[in-house]
């Protein structure tokens, strides 16, 4: 089980709360998780793997 860092002593910003909401919702919807590290330590490949959704429709081509 990973060791969790203590919460910061300052209140989270609106951006922090929004990020928490989005990541938590996406994790619950897809079952995917991120490594328990600061976001800046995640690789681009890890972020793409977490956020990519192979069930989405292809991009609109305008036709």
C-alpha atoms as a PDB file:
ATOM      1  CA  UNK A   1       0.000   0.000   0.000  1.00  0.00           C
ATOM      2  CA  UNK A   2       1.464   3.397  -0.943  1.00  0.00           C
ATOM      3  CA  UNK A   3       2.402   5.847   1.773  1.00  0.00           C
ATOM      4  CA  UNK A   4       0.244   8.938   1.512  1.00  0.00           C
ATOM      5  CA  UNK A   5       1.761  12.347   2.047  1.00  0.00           C
ATOM      6  CA  UNK A   6       0.076  14.660   4.565  1.00  0.00           C
ATOM      7  CA  UNK A   7      -2.227  17.289   3.145  1.00  0.00           C
ATOM      8  CA  UNK A   8      -0.764  20.763   2.723  1.00  0.00           C
ATOM      9  CA  UNK A   9      -1.415  23.221   5.554  1.00  0.00           C
ATOM     10  CA  UNK A  10      -3.034  25.720   3.165  1.00  0.00           C
ATOM     11  CA  UNK A  11      -6.505  25.388   1.654  1.00  0.00           C
ATOM     12  CA  UNK A  12      -6.705  23.967  -1.878  1.00  0.00           C
ATOM     13  CA  UNK A  13      -7.405  26.347  -4.737  1.00  0.00           C
ATOM     14  CA  UNK A  14     -10.401  26.061  -7.028  1.00  0.00           C
ATOM     15  CA  UNK A  15      -8.072  24.539  -9.652  1.00  0.00           C
ATOM     16  CA  UNK A  16      -6.883  21.937  -7.122  1.00  0.00           C
ATOM     17  CA  UNK A  17     -10.460  20.979  -6.269  1.00  0.00           C
ATOM     18  CA  UNK A  18     -11.465  20.802  -9.932  1.00  0.00           C
ATOM     19  CA  UNK A  19      -8.476  18.568 -10.730  1.00  0.00           C
ATOM     20  CA  UNK A  20      -9.370  16.291  -7.806  1.00  0.00           C
ATOM     21  CA  UNK A  21     -12.974  16.099  -8.991  1.00  0.00           C
ATOM     22  CA  UNK A  22     -12.012  15.289 -12.591  1.00  0.00           C
ATOM     23  CA  UNK A  23      -9.409  12.657 -11.711  1.00  0.00           C
ATOM     24  CA  UNK A  24     -11.654  11.007  -9.118  1.00  0.00           C
ATOM     25  CA  UNK A  25     -14.633  10.937 -11.471  1.00  0.00           C
ATOM     26  CA  UNK A  26     -12.574   9.544 -14.359  1.00  0.00           C
ATOM     27  CA  UNK A  27     -11.027   6.906 -12.069  1.00  0.00           C
ATOM     28  CA  UNK A  28     -14.469   5.819 -10.888  1.00  0.00           C
ATOM     29  CA  UNK A  29     -15.816   5.707 -14.464  1.00  0.00           C
ATOM     30  CA  UNK A  30     -12.906   3.845 -16.051  1.00  0.00           C
ATOM     31  CA  UNK A  31     -11.268   1.957 -13.178  1.00  0.00           C
ATOM     32  CA  UNK A  32      -7.926   3.530 -14.093  1.00  0.00           C
ATOM     33  CA  UNK A  33      -5.644   5.030 -11.492  1.00  0.00           C
ATOM     34  CA  UNK A  34      -2.594   7.261 -11.451  1.00  0.00           C
ATOM     35  CA  UNK A  35       0.590   6.600  -9.521  1.00  0.00           C
ATOM     36  CA  UNK A  36       0.449   8.351  -6.129  1.00  0.00           C
ATOM     37  CA  UNK A  37       3.006  11.027  -7.006  1.00  0.00           C
ATOM     38  CA  UNK A  38       2.733  14.755  -7.741  1.00  0.00           C
ATOM     39  CA  UNK A  39       1.222  15.301 -11.186  1.00  0.00           C
ATOM     40  CA  UNK A  40       4.456  16.870 -12.434  1.00  0.00           C
ATOM     41  CA  UNK A  41       6.213  13.524 -11.901  1.00  0.00           C
ATOM     42  CA  UNK A  42       3.831  11.613 -14.184  1.00  0.00           C
ATOM     43  CA  UNK A  43       5.088  10.959 -17.700  1.00  0.00           C
ATOM     44  CA  UNK A  44       3.203  12.050 -20.796  1.00  0.00           C
ATOM     45  CA  UNK A  45       2.583   8.380 -21.587  1.00  0.00           C
ATOM     46  CA  UNK A  46       1.032   7.784 -18.151  1.00  0.00           C
ATOM     47  CA  UNK A  47      -1.267  10.774 -18.570  1.00  0.00           C
ATOM     48  CA  UNK A  48      -2.334   9.714 -22.073  1.00  0.00           C
ATOM     49  CA  UNK A  49      -2.982   6.173 -20.843  1.00  0.00           C
ATOM     50  CA  UNK A  50      -5.079   7.509 -17.953  1.00  0.00           C
ATOM     51  CA  UNK A  51      -7.160  10.013 -19.956  1.00  0.00           C
ATOM     52  CA  UNK A  52      -7.461   8.219 -23.321  1.00  0.00           C
ATOM     53  CA  UNK A  53     -10.859   6.665 -23.946  1.00  0.00           C
ATOM     54  CA  UNK A  54     -10.999   4.080 -26.708  1.00  0.00           C
ATOM     55  CA  UNK A  55     -14.797   4.064 -26.428  1.00  0.00           C
ATOM     56  CA  UNK A  56     -15.180   7.669 -27.607  1.00  0.00           C
ATOM     57  CA  UNK A  57     -16.473   8.349 -31.057  1.00  0.00           C
ATOM     58  CA  UNK A  58     -13.904   9.392 -33.688  1.00  0.00           C
ATOM     59  CA  UNK A  59     -13.340  13.148 -34.058  1.00  0.00           C
ATOM     60  CA  UNK A  60     -15.948  14.969 -36.135  1.00  0.00           C
ATOM     61  CA  UNK A  61     -14.650  15.324 -39.693  1.00  0.00           C
ATOM     62  CA  UNK A  62     -17.120  17.988 -40.799  1.00  0.00           C
ATOM     63  CA  UNK A  63     -18.985  15.725 -43.212  1.00  0.00           C
END
